Amino acid sequence: MQDYPEEIIPQQGWRQNLDAESIISSQPKAWIAHRIEGDICSSTECGLGDDVPALTKEALPDKRMPNLSMCLLGATFLPRHFAYIQKNEGKEKWEKQDKRQTDTTDNYQTTDNFFVVAWELRQLHNKAIPYKRTFTSKSNYTEAVGKIERHITEKWEDLKEDSNGRTTILKATMKANHAPVRLNYWHFTIDIYPEDNSDKPLTNISGNWRKHLAVNARDCLRRTFFIVEDNDDIPQIDKAAYSV
C-alpha cells in the first residue's frame, strides 16, 4: 500500500472551519473536485445537441446528492490525493481541540480506478436549484405556507393539479461546507438547503419532492464539470485562508 500523504492531514495552526465565501473572495476561481469511480469513456456520454460530454447517471447517482463529498484543490490537496480513501478513524470528523493523533495504519485504502472532475467553487456555492413541491390537501398546503409564505405566490386553487395533489415550484440552494476529517483537512460537502426548510440541509431523498430535488441538483453537476489532473494550472489557495 502506498504511503499516506501527510500534507493533507490537518495540521496544528489550521482553522477548524473554512468559509467558502471567504475562499471565493480571496481566490474567485478556486476549484472543488469529486472522485468518479471507473474510466472516463464509460462514465461520460454525449447527448443529442450537446457540445460537451456529461457524466452518466450511473457515474454520479442522485443518491449521492445529500452531503456530496468533495475536496478543495489548490492548497495541499491535488487530484492524485483522491487515490487515498479514508476509513475507520480516518474518516471521523476532525476537531481542532482534539490532541489525539490519528494513525494512518488501517485507516485508509487506495484505488487507481478513478478520474477527477471539478467545478469552480463559486459555480456551486449558493447555486439555486428548482424543485417541485406537491401538497396532498389544502390543510397540508396551508400549514406549509405558514413556514414559507414569501416563496409561494399561488393560492391553493391556482396550483397545478395532478393525480398526486397540487404542485408548485420552489428553489433550493446548494452550499459548500467545510467538513474536515482526521486524515483529510480539505474535505467539503455540497449540501442542499430546501426553500421550505432553509435553516438546515437536506439529509435524505425519501419522498417525491426530495427525489426531484436530488435529481435536479445531480443533473446540474453532471453537465457542468471539467476533468482535472495534477499537471493542470490549478488556482492556488493562499495559506492565510486556512492558517490562524
Protein backbone atom coordinates (compact mmCIF):
# COMPACT_ATOMS: atom_id res chain seq x y z
CA MET A 1 0.00 0.00 0.00
CA GLN A 2 1.24 3.48 -0.85
CA ASP A 3 2.36 5.75 1.99
CA TYR A 4 -0.34 8.15 3.07
CA PRO A 5 0.23 11.82 2.02
CA GLU A 6 0.96 13.65 5.27
CA GLU A 7 0.41 17.03 3.63
CA ILE A 8 -3.40 16.62 3.53
CA ILE A 9 -3.72 15.65 7.22
CA PRO A 10 -5.00 18.52 9.45
CA GLN A 11 -2.09 20.40 10.97
CA GLN A 12 -1.64 22.41 14.15
CA GLY A 13 -2.37 26.04 13.37
CA TRP A 14 -5.01 25.33 10.72
CA ARG A 15 -8.53 26.67 11.10
CA GLN A 16 -11.35 24.45 12.33
CA ASN A 17 -13.68 25.79 9.64
CA LEU A 18 -13.01 27.15 6.19
CA ASP A 19 -15.67 29.50 4.88
CA ALA A 20 -16.50 29.01 1.21
CA GLU A 21 -17.40 32.65 0.67
CA SER A 22 -14.08 33.78 2.13
CA ILE A 23 -12.23 31.37 -0.15
CA ILE A 24 -14.14 32.68 -3.16
CA SER A 25 -13.42 36.26 -2.12
CA SER A 26 -9.66 35.67 -1.95
CA GLN A 27 -9.48 33.21 -4.89
CA PRO A 28 -12.53 33.70 -7.17
CA LYS A 29 -11.50 30.82 -9.44
CA ALA A 30 -10.92 28.23 -6.69
CA TRP A 31 -11.70 24.64 -7.73
CA ILE A 32 -13.57 21.98 -5.80
CA ALA A 33 -13.46 18.38 -7.01
CA HIS A 34 -15.02 14.93 -6.75
CA ARG A 35 -13.73 11.42 -7.47
CA ILE A 36 -15.59 9.39 -10.10
CA GLU A 37 -15.01 5.65 -9.94
CA GLY A 38 -14.22 3.95 -13.24
CA ASP A 39 -12.82 5.26 -16.52
CA ILE A 40 -13.73 8.37 -18.47
CA CYS A 41 -15.11 6.61 -21.55
CA SER A 42 -17.67 4.51 -19.69
CA SER A 43 -18.58 7.30 -17.26
CA THR A 44 -19.42 10.05 -19.75
CA GLU A 45 -21.89 10.44 -22.60
CA CYS A 46 -22.84 12.98 -25.23
CA GLY A 47 -26.49 13.71 -25.79
CA LEU A 48 -28.04 14.99 -29.00
CA GLY A 49 -27.02 18.61 -29.45
CA ASP A 50 -24.58 18.63 -26.53
CA ASP A 51 -21.22 20.30 -27.17
CA VAL A 52 -19.52 18.71 -24.17
CA PRO A 53 -19.90 15.30 -22.52
CA ALA A 54 -21.98 14.77 -19.41
CA LEU A 55 -21.34 12.33 -16.59
CA THR A 56 -23.66 9.36 -16.79
CA LYS A 57 -26.32 8.94 -14.14
CA GLU A 58 -24.52 5.79 -13.01
CA ALA A 59 -21.24 7.70 -12.54
CA LEU A 60 -22.94 10.36 -10.43
CA PRO A 61 -26.13 8.83 -8.98
CA ASP A 62 -28.68 11.12 -7.36
CA LYS A 63 -28.43 9.13 -4.10
CA ARG A 64 -25.06 10.81 -3.51
CA MET A 65 -26.57 14.26 -3.51
CA PRO A 66 -27.26 14.94 0.14
CA ASN A 67 -23.79 15.72 1.52
CA LEU A 68 -21.94 15.06 -1.74
CA SER A 69 -18.26 14.53 -0.88
CA MET A 70 -15.80 16.99 -2.43
CA CYS A 71 -12.27 18.26 -1.81
CA LEU A 72 -10.88 21.77 -2.23
CA LEU A 73 -7.94 21.90 -4.63
CA GLY A 74 -5.11 24.39 -4.76
CA ALA A 75 -3.56 24.34 -1.29
CA THR A 76 -2.01 20.97 -0.40
CA PHE A 77 -4.67 18.76 -2.00
CA LEU A 78 -4.13 17.60 -5.59
CA PRO A 79 -6.19 15.30 -7.84
CA ARG A 80 -3.83 12.37 -7.12
CA HIS A 81 -4.83 12.52 -3.45
CA PHE A 82 -8.25 11.11 -4.38
CA ALA A 83 -6.46 7.76 -4.65
CA TYR A 84 -6.50 7.65 -0.83
CA ILE A 85 -9.85 6.75 0.68
CA GLN A 86 -10.23 7.38 4.40
CA LYS A 87 -11.96 4.76 6.53
CA ASN A 88 -12.47 3.88 10.22
CA GLU A 89 -10.93 6.65 12.39
CA GLY A 90 -9.52 8.29 9.29
CA LYS A 91 -12.95 9.49 8.16
CA GLU A 92 -14.11 10.70 11.58
CA LYS A 93 -14.72 14.44 11.93
CA TRP A 94 -11.61 16.43 12.81
CA GLU A 95 -11.95 18.57 15.92
CA LYS A 96 -9.23 21.17 16.30
CA GLN A 97 -9.17 20.85 20.09
CA ASP A 98 -8.67 17.09 19.87
CA LYS A 99 -4.99 16.43 20.53
CA ARG A 100 -5.22 12.71 19.71
CA GLN A 101 -3.22 11.80 16.63
CA THR A 102 -4.79 9.52 14.04
CA ASP A 103 -2.53 6.72 12.85
CA THR A 104 -2.75 6.11 9.11
CA THR A 105 -2.42 2.35 9.63
CA ASP A 106 -5.71 0.59 8.84
CA ASN A 107 -7.45 3.96 8.44
CA TYR A 108 -7.31 4.27 4.66
CA GLN A 109 -7.29 2.29 1.45
CA THR A 110 -6.16 3.16 -2.04
CA THR A 111 -7.62 2.93 -5.53
CA ASP A 112 -6.32 3.60 -9.02
CA ASN A 113 -9.62 3.15 -10.85
CA PHE A 114 -10.91 6.72 -10.91
CA PHE A 115 -10.73 10.13 -12.51
CA VAL A 116 -11.34 13.56 -11.01
CA VAL A 117 -13.97 16.09 -12.04
CA ALA A 118 -14.04 19.67 -10.79
CA TRP A 119 -16.10 22.84 -10.73
CA GLU A 120 -15.30 26.39 -9.76
CA LEU A 121 -16.33 26.71 -6.13
CA ARG A 122 -18.36 29.81 -6.98
CA GLN A 123 -20.37 27.72 -9.50
CA LEU A 124 -21.74 25.52 -6.73
CA HIS A 125 -21.80 27.64 -3.59
CA ASN A 126 -25.19 29.39 -3.31
CA LYS A 127 -26.35 27.81 -6.58
CA ALA A 128 -30.16 27.82 -6.90
CA ILE A 129 -31.81 24.50 -7.82
CA PRO A 130 -35.56 24.40 -8.66
CA TYR A 131 -37.75 21.58 -7.44
CA LYS A 132 -41.43 20.63 -7.30
CA ARG A 133 -43.30 20.53 -4.01
CA THR A 134 -46.64 18.69 -4.02
CA PHE A 135 -49.36 19.22 -1.41
CA THR A 136 -51.91 16.50 -0.89
CA SER A 137 -54.59 18.67 0.72
CA LYS A 138 -55.50 22.28 1.35
CA SER A 139 -54.66 21.91 5.05
CA ASN A 140 -51.27 20.44 4.11
CA TYR A 141 -50.67 23.43 1.85
CA THR A 142 -51.88 25.96 4.42
CA GLU A 143 -49.52 24.55 7.05
CA ALA A 144 -46.56 24.81 4.65
CA VAL A 145 -47.44 28.37 3.61
CA GLY A 146 -47.19 29.40 7.24
CA LYS A 147 -43.49 28.47 7.13
CA ILE A 148 -42.59 29.67 3.62
CA GLU A 149 -45.16 32.30 2.76
CA ARG A 150 -42.69 34.50 0.90
CA HIS A 151 -41.85 31.65 -1.51
CA ILE A 152 -45.34 30.61 -2.56
CA THR A 153 -47.31 33.15 -4.56
CA GLU A 154 -50.12 30.91 -5.80
CA LYS A 155 -53.31 30.28 -3.93
CA TRP A 156 -54.32 26.67 -3.32
CA GLU A 157 -56.82 26.88 -6.15
CA ASP A 158 -54.16 28.12 -8.60
CA LEU A 159 -51.65 25.32 -8.06
CA LYS A 160 -51.13 22.85 -10.89
CA GLU A 161 -53.11 19.71 -10.14
CA ASP A 162 -52.36 16.08 -10.95
CA SER A 163 -53.15 12.66 -9.51
CA ASN A 164 -50.70 13.19 -6.63
CA GLY A 165 -52.03 16.56 -5.48
CA ARG A 166 -51.30 20.19 -6.28
CA THR A 167 -47.78 21.28 -7.17
CA THR A 168 -45.68 24.45 -7.06
CA ILE A 169 -42.06 25.15 -7.96
CA LEU A 170 -39.61 26.16 -5.21
CA LYS A 171 -35.85 26.70 -5.22
CA ALA A 172 -33.22 25.09 -3.06
CA THR A 173 -29.70 26.38 -2.51
CA MET A 174 -26.52 24.34 -2.79
CA LYS A 175 -23.76 25.30 -0.37
CA ALA A 176 -20.19 24.11 0.06
CA ASN A 177 -19.48 23.33 3.72
CA HIS A 178 -16.06 22.51 5.13
CA ALA A 179 -16.16 19.03 6.69
CA PRO A 180 -12.55 18.12 7.61
CA VAL A 181 -11.87 14.54 8.67
CA ARG A 182 -8.94 13.18 10.66
CA LEU A 183 -6.96 12.24 7.57
CA ASN A 184 -8.16 14.92 5.14
CA TYR A 185 -8.39 18.59 6.06
CA TRP A 186 -9.64 19.57 2.60
CA HIS A 187 -12.88 17.60 2.66
CA PHE A 188 -16.07 19.55 1.90
CA THR A 189 -19.67 18.54 1.39
CA ILE A 190 -22.07 20.04 -1.11
CA ASP A 191 -25.28 20.35 0.86
CA ILE A 192 -28.79 21.20 -0.31
CA TYR A 193 -30.98 23.62 1.63
CA PRO A 194 -34.64 23.41 0.51
CA GLU A 195 -36.51 26.69 0.39
CA ASP A 196 -39.23 25.37 2.68
CA ASN A 197 -36.66 24.37 5.32
CA SER A 198 -33.72 26.65 4.62
CA ASP A 199 -32.20 26.60 8.12
CA LYS A 200 -30.82 23.08 7.74
CA PRO A 201 -29.67 20.92 4.83
CA LEU A 202 -31.49 18.00 3.30
CA THR A 203 -30.33 14.76 4.90
CA ASN A 204 -32.08 12.17 2.72
CA ILE A 205 -34.07 11.89 -0.50
CA SER A 206 -37.08 9.96 0.76
CA GLY A 207 -40.29 11.30 -0.74
CA ASN A 208 -41.11 12.51 -4.24
CA TRP A 209 -40.17 16.18 -3.85
CA ARG A 210 -36.84 15.34 -2.22
CA LYS A 211 -36.11 12.89 -5.02
CA HIS A 212 -36.97 15.54 -7.60
CA LEU A 213 -34.62 17.99 -5.88
CA ALA A 214 -31.75 15.49 -5.71
CA VAL A 215 -32.13 14.64 -9.40
CA ASN A 216 -32.12 18.32 -10.41
CA ALA A 217 -29.02 19.03 -8.32
CA ARG A 218 -27.25 15.95 -9.69
CA ASP A 219 -28.10 16.86 -13.28
CA CYS A 220 -26.73 20.37 -12.77
CA LEU A 221 -23.41 18.92 -11.59
CA ARG A 222 -23.05 16.21 -14.20
CA ARG A 223 -23.44 18.70 -17.06
CA THR A 224 -21.12 21.46 -15.83
CA PHE A 225 -17.92 19.70 -14.73
CA PHE A 226 -14.42 19.64 -16.20
CA ILE A 227 -11.80 16.90 -15.83
CA VAL A 228 -8.73 17.86 -13.83
CA GLU A 229 -5.28 16.32 -13.37
CA ASP A 230 -2.23 17.11 -11.24
CA ASN A 231 -0.40 18.95 -14.01
CA ASP A 232 -3.28 21.36 -14.71
CA ASP A 233 -2.95 25.00 -13.74
CA ILE A 234 -4.96 24.72 -10.52
CA PRO A 235 -5.85 28.09 -8.90
CA GLN A 236 -3.83 28.37 -5.71
CA ILE A 237 -5.27 28.93 -2.24
CA ASP A 238 -3.35 31.39 -0.07
CA LYS A 239 -2.10 29.81 3.17
CA ALA A 240 -3.59 32.76 5.05
CA ALA A 241 -7.05 31.40 4.19
CA TYR A 242 -6.61 28.33 6.39
CA SER A 243 -3.94 29.22 8.93
CA VAL A 244 -4.57 31.12 12.16
